[in-house]
PDB file of N, CA and C in Angstrom:
ATOM      1  N   GLY A   1     104.304  98.495  76.763  1.00  0.00           N
ATOM      2  CA  GLY A   1     103.927  98.901  78.104  1.00  0.00           C
ATOM      3  C   GLY A   1     104.948  98.410  79.119  1.00  0.00           C
ATOM      4  N   LEU A   2     104.732  98.803  80.333  1.00  0.00           N
ATOM      5  CA  LEU A   2     105.626  98.386  81.415  1.00  0.00           C
ATOM      6  C   LEU A   2     105.390  96.926  81.767  1.00  0.00           C
ATOM      7  N   MET A   3     106.452  96.244  82.134  1.00  0.00           N
ATOM      8  CA  MET A   3     106.327  94.875  82.612  1.00  0.00           C
ATOM      9  C   MET A   3     105.727  94.914  84.012  1.00  0.00           C
ATOM     10  N   ARG A   4     105.286  93.789  84.481  1.00  0.00           N
ATOM     11  CA  ARG A   4     104.538  93.697  85.736  1.00  0.00           C
ATOM     12  C   ARG A   4     105.217  94.412  86.901  1.00  0.00           C
ATOM     13  N   ASN A   5     106.441  94.051  87.237  1.00  0.00           N
ATOM     14  CA  ASN A   5     107.102  94.645  88.402  1.00  0.00           C
ATOM     15  C   ASN A   5     107.393  96.130  88.200  1.00  0.00           C
ATOM     16  N   ALA A   6     107.736  96.516  86.977  1.00  0.00           N
ATOM     17  CA  ALA A   6     107.983  97.932  86.695  1.00  0.00           C
ATOM     18  C   ALA A   6     106.695  98.734  86.840  1.00  0.00           C
ATOM     19  N   TYR A   7     105.582  98.169  86.413  1.00  0.00           N
ATOM     20  CA  TYR A   7     104.291  98.852  86.530  1.00  0.00           C
ATOM     21  C   TYR A   7     103.921  99.050  87.996  1.00  0.00           C
ATOM     22  N   ILE A   8     104.058  98.000  88.785  1.00  0.00           N
ATOM     23  CA  ILE A   8     103.718  98.077  90.206  1.00  0.00           C
ATOM     24  C   ILE A   8     104.629  99.081  90.907  1.00  0.00           C
ATOM     25  N   GLY A   9     105.912  99.050  90.603  1.00  0.00           N
ATOM     26  CA  GLY A   9     106.853  99.990  91.211  1.00  0.00           C
ATOM     27  C   GLY A   9     106.550 101.430  90.833  1.00  0.00           C
ATOM     28  N   THR A  10     106.225 101.654  89.564  1.00  0.00           N
ATOM     29  CA  THR A  10     105.893 103.000  89.101  1.00  0.00           C
ATOM     30  C   THR A  10     104.627 103.501  89.781  1.00  0.00           C
ATOM     31  N   ASP A  11     103.643 102.630  89.913  1.00  0.00           N
ATOM     32  CA  ASP A  11     102.399 103.003  90.589  1.00  0.00           C
ATOM     33  C   ASP A  11     102.666 103.368  92.046  1.00  0.00           C
ATOM     34  N   ALA A  12     103.469 102.569  92.720  1.00  0.00           N
ATOM     35  CA  ALA A  12     103.791 102.849  94.123  1.00  0.00           C
ATOM     36  C   ALA A  12     104.553 104.164  94.254  1.00  0.00           C
ATOM     37  N   LEU A  13     105.477 104.402  93.340  1.00  0.00           N
ATOM     38  CA  LEU A  13     106.265 105.631  93.373  1.00  0.00           C
ATOM     39  C   LEU A  13     105.388 106.866  93.171  1.00  0.00           C
ATOM     40  N   ALA A  14     104.360 106.749  92.365  1.00  0.00           N
ATOM     41  CA  ALA A  14     103.444 107.874  92.139  1.00  0.00           C
ATOM     42  C   ALA A  14     102.448 108.025  93.284  1.00  0.00           C
ATOM     43  N   THR A  15     102.061 106.921  93.904  1.00  0.00           N
ATOM     44  CA  THR A  15     101.039 106.954  94.944  1.00  0.00           C
ATOM     45  C   THR A  15     101.540 107.599  96.226  1.00  0.00           C
ATOM     46  N   VAL A  16     102.760 107.320  96.616  1.00  0.00           N
ATOM     47  CA  VAL A  16     103.277 107.833  97.895  1.00  0.00           C
ATOM     48  C   VAL A  16     103.267 109.359  97.950  1.00  0.00           C
ATOM     49  N   PRO A  17     103.855 110.071  96.981  1.00  0.00           N
ATOM     50  CA  PRO A  17     103.799 111.535  97.075  1.00  0.00           C
ATOM     51  C   PRO A  17     102.378 112.093  96.930  1.00  0.00           C
ATOM     52  N   MET A  18     101.549 111.420  96.128  1.00  0.00           N
ATOM     53  CA  MET A  18     100.175 111.886  95.957  1.00  0.00           C
ATOM     54  C   MET A  18      99.407 111.803  97.280  1.00  0.00           C
ATOM     55  N   GLN A  19      99.523 110.673  97.969  1.00  0.00           N
ATOM     56  CA  GLN A  19      98.826 110.517  99.243  1.00  0.00           C
ATOM     57  C   GLN A  19      99.428 111.418 100.315  1.00  0.00           C
ATOM     58  N   GLY A  20     100.738 111.622 100.271  1.00  0.00           N
ATOM     59  CA  GLY A  20     101.380 112.540 101.214  1.00  0.00           C
ATOM     60  C   GLY A  20     100.879 113.962 101.037  1.00  0.00           C
ATOM     61  N   THR A  21     100.695 114.365  99.785  1.00  0.00           N
ATOM     62  CA  THR A  21     100.165 115.699  99.500  1.00  0.00           C
ATOM     63  C   THR A  21      98.738 115.830 100.012  1.00  0.00           C
ATOM     64  N   LYS A  22      97.920 114.811  99.791  1.00  0.00           N
ATOM     65  CA  LYS A  22      96.543 114.839 100.298  1.00  0.00           C
ATOM     66  C   LYS A  22      96.534 114.966 101.818  1.00  0.00           C
ATOM     67  N   LEU A  23      97.389 114.199 102.473  1.00  0.00           N
ATOM     68  CA  LEU A  23      97.459 114.243 103.931  1.00  0.00           C
ATOM     69  C   LEU A  23      97.839 115.638 104.410  1.00  0.00           C
ATOM     70  N   ALA A  24      98.809 116.255 103.749  1.00  0.00           N
ATOM     71  CA  ALA A  24      99.233 117.603 104.135  1.00  0.00           C
ATOM     72  C   ALA A  24      98.117 118.623 103.912  1.00  0.00           C
ATOM     73  N   VAL A  25      97.436 118.533 102.778  1.00  0.00           N
ATOM     74  CA  VAL A  25      96.367 119.492 102.470  1.00  0.00           C
ATOM     75  C   VAL A  25      95.194 119.322 103.425  1.00  0.00           C
ATOM     76  N   PHE A  26      94.722 118.097 103.593  1.00  0.00           N
ATOM     77  CA  PHE A  26      93.578 117.877 104.475  1.00  0.00           C
ATOM     78  C   PHE A  26      93.929 118.160 105.925  1.00  0.00           C
ATOM     79  N   GLY A  27      95.153 117.813 106.312  1.00  0.00           N
ATOM     80  CA  GLY A  27      95.598 118.118 107.675  1.00  0.00           C
ATOM     81  C   GLY A  27      95.715 119.612 107.894  1.00  0.00           C
ATOM     82  N   GLY A  28      96.261 120.319 106.910  1.00  0.00           N
ATOM     83  CA  GLY A  28      96.398 121.769 107.013  1.00  0.00           C
ATOM     84  C   GLY A  28      95.061 122.477 107.038  1.00  0.00           C
ATOM     85  N   ALA A  29      94.076 121.924 106.354  1.00  0.00           N
ATOM     86  CA  ALA A  29      92.734 122.506 106.331  1.00  0.00           C
ATOM     87  C   ALA A  29      91.921 122.068 107.545  1.00  0.00           C
ATOM     88  N   GLN A  30      92.533 121.300 108.414  1.00  0.00           N
ATOM     89  CA  GLN A  30      91.910 120.776 109.634  1.00  0.00           C
ATOM     90  C   GLN A  30      90.630 119.989 109.331  1.00  0.00           C
ATOM     91  N   VAL A  31      90.667 119.249 108.232  1.00  0.00           N
ATOM     92  CA  VAL A  31      89.555 118.390 107.854  1.00  0.00           C
ATOM     93  C   VAL A  31      89.685 117.028 108.525  1.00  0.00           C
ATOM     94  N   LEU A  32      90.919 116.656 108.874  1.00  0.00           N
ATOM     95  CA  LEU A  32      91.149 115.352 109.498  1.00  0.00           C
ATOM     96  C   LEU A  32      90.763 115.401 110.968  1.00  0.00           C
ATOM     97  N   LYS A  33      89.705 114.719 111.292  1.00  0.00           N
ATOM     98  CA  LYS A  33      89.245 114.629 112.676  1.00  0.00           C
ATOM     99  C   LYS A  33      89.948 113.450 113.352  1.00  0.00           C
ATOM    100  N   PRO A  34      90.085 113.501 114.675  1.00  0.00           N
ATOM    101  CA  PRO A  34      90.769 112.399 115.379  1.00  0.00           C
ATOM    102  C   PRO A  34      90.180 111.023 115.077  1.00  0.00           C
ATOM    103  N   GLU A  35      88.855 110.937 114.944  1.00  0.00           N
ATOM    104  CA  GLU A  35      88.242 109.624 114.675  1.00  0.00           C
ATOM    105  C   GLU A  35      88.620 109.111 113.282  1.00  0.00           C
ATOM    106  N   LEU A  36      88.841 110.009 112.329  1.00  0.00           N
ATOM    107  CA  LEU A  36      89.294 109.581 111.004  1.00  0.00           C
ATOM    108  C   LEU A  36      90.729 109.071 111.054  1.00  0.00           C
ATOM    109  N   ILE A  37      91.553 109.715 111.856  1.00  0.00           N
ATOM    110  CA  ILE A  37      92.942 109.277 112.003  1.00  0.00           C
ATOM    111  C   ILE A  37      92.989 107.898 112.649  1.00  0.00           C
ATOM    112  N   VAL A  38      92.176 107.687 113.685  1.00  0.00           N
ATOM    113  CA  VAL A  38      92.111 106.375 114.347  1.00  0.00           C
ATOM    114  C   VAL A  38      91.628 105.316 113.354  1.00  0.00           C
ATOM    115  N   ALA A  39      90.598 105.647 112.573  1.00  0.00           N
ATOM    116  CA  ALA A  39      90.091 104.695 111.576  1.00  0.00           C
ATOM    117  C   ALA A  39      91.179 104.360 110.558  1.00  0.00           C
ATOM    118  N   GLY A  40      91.952 105.359 110.155  1.00  0.00           N
ATOM    119  CA  GLY A  40      93.042 105.125 109.211  1.00  0.00           C
ATOM    120  C   GLY A  40      94.080 104.170 109.765  1.00  0.00           C
ATOM    121  N   PHE A  41      94.473 104.381 111.017  1.00  0.00           N
ATOM    122  CA  PHE A  41      95.454 103.483 111.632  1.00  0.00           C
ATOM    123  C   PHE A  41      94.879 102.084 111.829  1.00  0.00           C
ATOM    124  N   THR A  42      93.576 101.994 112.062  1.00  0.00           N
ATOM    125  CA  THR A  42      92.927 100.693 112.220  1.00  0.00           C
ATOM    126  C   THR A  42      92.999  99.886 110.924  1.00  0.00           C
ATOM    127  N   LEU A  43      93.003 100.569 109.795  1.00  0.00           N
ATOM    128  CA  LEU A  43      93.015  99.887 108.499  1.00  0.00           C
ATOM    129  C   LEU A  43      94.399  99.418 108.062  1.00  0.00           C
ATOM    130  N   ILE A  44      95.443  99.859 108.737  1.00  0.00           N
ATOM    131  CA  ILE A  44      96.813  99.508 108.332  1.00  0.00           C
ATOM    132  C   ILE A  44      97.036  97.998 108.217  1.00  0.00           C
ATOM    133  N   PRO A  45      96.619  97.184 109.203  1.00  0.00           N
ATOM    134  CA  PRO A  45      96.842  95.733 109.048  1.00  0.00           C
ATOM    135  C   PRO A  45      96.152  95.152 107.813  1.00  0.00           C
ATOM    136  N   PHE A  46      94.977  95.679 107.476  1.00  0.00           N
ATOM    137  CA  PHE A  46      94.264  95.189 106.297  1.00  0.00           C
ATOM    138  C   PHE A  46      94.970  95.605 105.012  1.00  0.00           C
ATOM    139  N   MET A  47      95.549  96.796 105.003  1.00  0.00           N
ATOM    140  CA  MET A  47      96.308  97.241 103.829  1.00  0.00           C
ATOM    141  C   MET A  47      97.546  96.377 103.635  1.00  0.00           C
ATOM    142  N   ILE A  48      98.225  96.058 104.725  1.00  0.00           N
ATOM    143  CA  ILE A  48      99.410  95.200 104.638  1.00  0.00           C
ATOM    144  C   ILE A  48      99.009  93.809 104.163  1.00  0.00           C
ATOM    145  N   GLY A  49      97.934  93.271 104.735  1.00  0.00           N
ATOM    146  CA  GLY A  49      97.443  91.958 104.313  1.00  0.00           C
ATOM    147  C   GLY A  49      97.056  91.936 102.846  1.00  0.00           C
ATOM    148  N   GLY A  50      96.383  92.982 102.393  1.00  0.00           N
ATOM    149  CA  GLY A  50      96.005  93.080 100.985  1.00  0.00           C
ATOM    150  C   GLY A  50      97.213  93.134 100.075  1.00  0.00           C
ATOM    151  N   THR A  51      98.253  93.814 100.526  1.00  0.00           N
ATOM    152  CA  THR A  51      99.484  93.898  99.745  1.00  0.00           C
ATOM    153  C   THR A  51     100.135  92.525  99.618  1.00  0.00           C
ATOM    154  N   VAL A  52     100.195  91.795 100.715  1.00  0.00           N
ATOM    155  CA  VAL A  52     100.806  90.457 100.702  1.00  0.00           C
ATOM    156  C   VAL A  52     100.008  89.514  99.805  1.00  0.00           C
ATOM    157  N   ILE A  53      98.690  89.508  99.966  1.00  0.00           N
ATOM    158  CA  ILE A  53      97.840  88.634  99.150  1.00  0.00           C
ATOM    159  C   ILE A  53      97.926  89.032  97.678  1.00  0.00           C
ATOM    160  N   GLY A  54      97.875  90.339  97.411  1.00  0.00           N
ATOM    161  CA  GLY A  54      97.965  90.819  96.033  1.00  0.00           C
ATOM    162  C   GLY A  54      99.273  90.433  95.373  1.00  0.00           C
ATOM    163  N   LYS A  55     100.369  90.516  96.117  1.00  0.00           N
ATOM    164  CA  LYS A  55     101.677  90.147  95.567  1.00  0.00           C
ATOM    165  C   LYS A  55     101.712  88.663  95.223  1.00  0.00           C
ATOM    166  N   ARG A  56     101.154  87.843  96.091  1.00  0.00           N
ATOM    167  CA  ARG A  56     101.130  86.395  95.818  1.00  0.00           C
ATOM    168  C   ARG A  56     100.261  86.070  94.609  1.00  0.00           C
ATOM    169  N   LEU A  57      99.116  86.739  94.500  1.00  0.00           N
ATOM    170  CA  LEU A  57      98.261  86.517  93.335  1.00  0.00           C
ATOM    171  C   LEU A  57      98.944  86.992  92.057  1.00  0.00           C
ATOM    172  N   LEU A  58      99.597  88.129  92.149  1.00  0.00           N
ATOM    173  CA  LEU A  58     100.271  88.698  90.984  1.00  0.00           C
ATOM    174  C   LEU A  58     101.382  87.789  90.471  1.00  0.00           C
ATOM    175  N   GLU A  59     102.061  87.097  91.378  1.00  0.00           N
ATOM    176  CA  GLU A  59     103.129  86.181  90.977  1.00  0.00           C
ATOM    177  C   GLU A  59     102.593  85.012  90.158  1.00  0.00           C
ATOM    178  N   ARG A  60     101.308  84.708  90.301  1.00  0.00           N
ATOM    179  CA  ARG A  60     100.706  83.581  89.582  1.00  0.00           C
ATOM    180  C   ARG A  60     100.161  83.972  88.208  1.00  0.00           C
ATOM    181  N   VAL A  61     100.032  85.275  87.970  1.00  0.00           N
ATOM    182  CA  VAL A  61      99.480  85.743  86.695  1.00  0.00           C
ATOM    183  C   VAL A  61     100.610  85.835  85.666  1.00  0.00           C
ATOM    184  N   PRO A  62     100.435  85.209  84.503  1.00  0.00           N
ATOM    185  CA  PRO A  62     101.463  85.313  83.462  1.00  0.00           C
ATOM    186  C   PRO A  62     101.662  86.774  83.026  1.00  0.00           C
ATOM    187  N   GLU A  63     102.886  87.087  82.618  1.00  0.00           N
ATOM    188  CA  GLU A  63     103.237  88.460  82.223  1.00  0.00           C
ATOM    189  C   GLU A  63     102.303  88.994  81.138  1.00  0.00           C
ATOM    190  N   ARG A  64     102.046  88.185  80.128  1.00  0.00           N
ATOM    191  CA  ARG A  64     101.180  88.626  79.016  1.00  0.00           C
ATOM    192  C   ARG A  64      99.756  88.885  79.501  1.00  0.00           C
ATOM    193  N   ALA A  65      99.233  88.014  80.354  1.00  0.00           N
ATOM    194  CA  ALA A  65      97.875  88.202  80.877  1.00  0.00           C
ATOM    195  C   ALA A  65      97.793  89.480  81.706  1.00  0.00           C
ATOM    196  N   PHE A  66      98.833  89.768  82.466  1.00  0.00           N
ATOM    197  CA  PHE A  66      98.864  90.994  83.259  1.00  0.00           C
ATOM    198  C   PHE A  66      98.811  92.212  82.344  1.00  0.00           C
ATOM    199  N   ALA A  67      99.608  92.198  81.282  1.00  0.00           N
ATOM    200  CA  ALA A  67      99.641  93.325  80.345  1.00  0.00           C
ATOM    201  C   ALA A  67      98.277  93.533  79.695  1.00  0.00           C
ATOM    202  N   VAL A  68      97.649  92.457  79.266  1.00  0.00           N
ATOM    203  CA  VAL A  68      96.327  92.555  78.636  1.00  0.00           C
ATOM    204  C   VAL A  68      95.304  93.088  79.637  1.00  0.00           C
ATOM    205  N   LEU A  69      95.353  92.612  80.863  1.00  0.00           N
ATOM    206  CA  LEU A  69      94.419  93.054  81.900  1.00  0.00           C
ATOM    207  C   LEU A  69      94.578  94.546  82.187  1.00  0.00           C
ATOM    208  N   VAL A  70      95.806  94.990  82.389  1.00  0.00           N
ATOM    209  CA  VAL A  70      96.053  96.406  82.691  1.00  0.00           C
ATOM    210  C   VAL A  70      95.649  97.283  81.513  1.00  0.00           C
ATOM    211  N   GLU A  71      96.037  96.894  80.306  1.00  0.00           N
ATOM    212  CA  GLU A  71      95.686  97.693  79.135  1.00  0.00           C
ATOM    213  C   GLU A  71      94.176  97.732  78.928  1.00  0.00           C
ATOM    214  N   GLY A  72      93.506  96.627  79.177  1.00  0.00           N
ATOM    215  CA  GLY A  72      92.044  96.595  79.071  1.00  0.00           C
ATOM    216  C   GLY A  72      91.381  97.522  80.075  1.00  0.00           C
ATOM    217  N   MET A  73      91.877  97.508  81.311  1.00  0.00           N
ATOM    218  CA  MET A  73      91.312  98.399  82.331  1.00  0.00           C
ATOM    219  C   MET A  73      91.567  99.859  81.982  1.00  0.00           C
ATOM    220  N   LEU A  74      92.730 100.163  81.403  1.00  0.00           N
ATOM    221  CA  LEU A  74      93.027 101.537  80.995  1.00  0.00           C
ATOM    222  C   LEU A  74      92.098 101.994  79.873  1.00  0.00           C
ATOM    223  N   VAL A  75      91.795 101.110  78.943  1.00  0.00           N
ATOM    224  CA  VAL A  75      90.865 101.448  77.861  1.00  0.00           C
ATOM    225  C   VAL A  75      89.476 101.718  78.433  1.00  0.00           C
ATOM    226  N   VAL A  76      89.011 100.855  79.327  1.00  0.00           N
ATOM    227  CA  VAL A  76      87.695 101.043  79.946  1.00  0.00           C
ATOM    228  C   VAL A  76      87.654 102.350  80.733  1.00  0.00           C
ATOM    229  N   ALA A  77      88.701 102.623  81.508  1.00  0.00           N
ATOM    230  CA  ALA A  77      88.745 103.869  82.282  1.00  0.00           C
ATOM    231  C   ALA A  77      88.762 105.080  81.358  1.00  0.00           C
ATOM    232  N   GLY A  78      89.520 105.009  80.274  1.00  0.00           N
ATOM    233  CA  GLY A  78      89.573 106.114  79.320  1.00  0.00           C
ATOM    234  C   GLY A  78      88.232 106.359  78.650  1.00  0.00           C
ATOM    235  N   LEU A  79      87.571 105.289  78.233  1.00  0.00           N
ATOM    236  CA  LEU A  79      86.248 105.430  77.628  1.00  0.00           C
ATOM    237  C   LEU A  79      85.246 106.003  78.621  1.00  0.00           C
ATOM    238  N   ASN A  80      85.316 105.533  79.852  1.00  0.00           N
ATOM    239  CA  ASN A  80      84.431 106.056  80.894  1.00  0.00           C
ATOM    240  C   ASN A  80      84.649 107.552  81.082  1.00  0.00           C
ATOM    241  N   PHE A  81      85.907 107.953  81.077  1.00  0.00           N
ATOM    242  CA  PHE A  81      86.235 109.373  81.221  1.00  0.00           C
ATOM    243  C   PHE A  81      85.701 110.182  80.037  1.00  0.00           C
ATOM    244  N   LEU A  82      85.868 109.653  78.826  1.00  0.00           N
ATOM    245  CA  LEU A  82      85.385 110.365  77.640  1.00  0.00           C
ATOM    246  C   LEU A  82      83.862 110.473  77.604  1.00  0.00           C
ATOM    247  N   ILE A  83      83.191 109.415  78.024  1.00  0.00           N
ATOM    248  CA  ILE A  83      81.731 109.392  77.958  1.00  0.00           C
ATOM    249  C   ILE A  83      81.096 110.187  79.099  1.00  0.00           C
ATOM    250  N   TYR A  84      81.574 109.967  80.314  1.00  0.00           N
ATOM    251  CA  TYR A  84      80.930 110.561  81.491  1.00  0.00           C
ATOM    252  C   TYR A  84      81.661 111.772  82.054  1.00  0.00           C
ATOM    253  N   GLY A  85      82.855 112.033  81.561  1.00  0.00           N
ATOM    254  CA  GLY A  85      83.611 113.213  82.020  1.00  0.00           C
ATOM    255  C   GLY A  85      84.398 113.028  83.256  1.00  0.00           C
TER     256      GLY A  85
END
């Protein structure tokens, strides 16, 4: 599997275009109301704070433990998908 930093980088690289596409689709469909946009901007400091805290926590987790944790979560998610659809 991917090492810790490679996994995080790959996830970030996939997330940015995915969220950009959602923003374009919902914006184009005029689903985004002004109050939702304001709420989104209000959450930015919390997202940045979560990123900083998450990075510090991640630095404390051993590489092997990170791999086991991620692989375990992927197995659980896969089983959930198979069972519940």
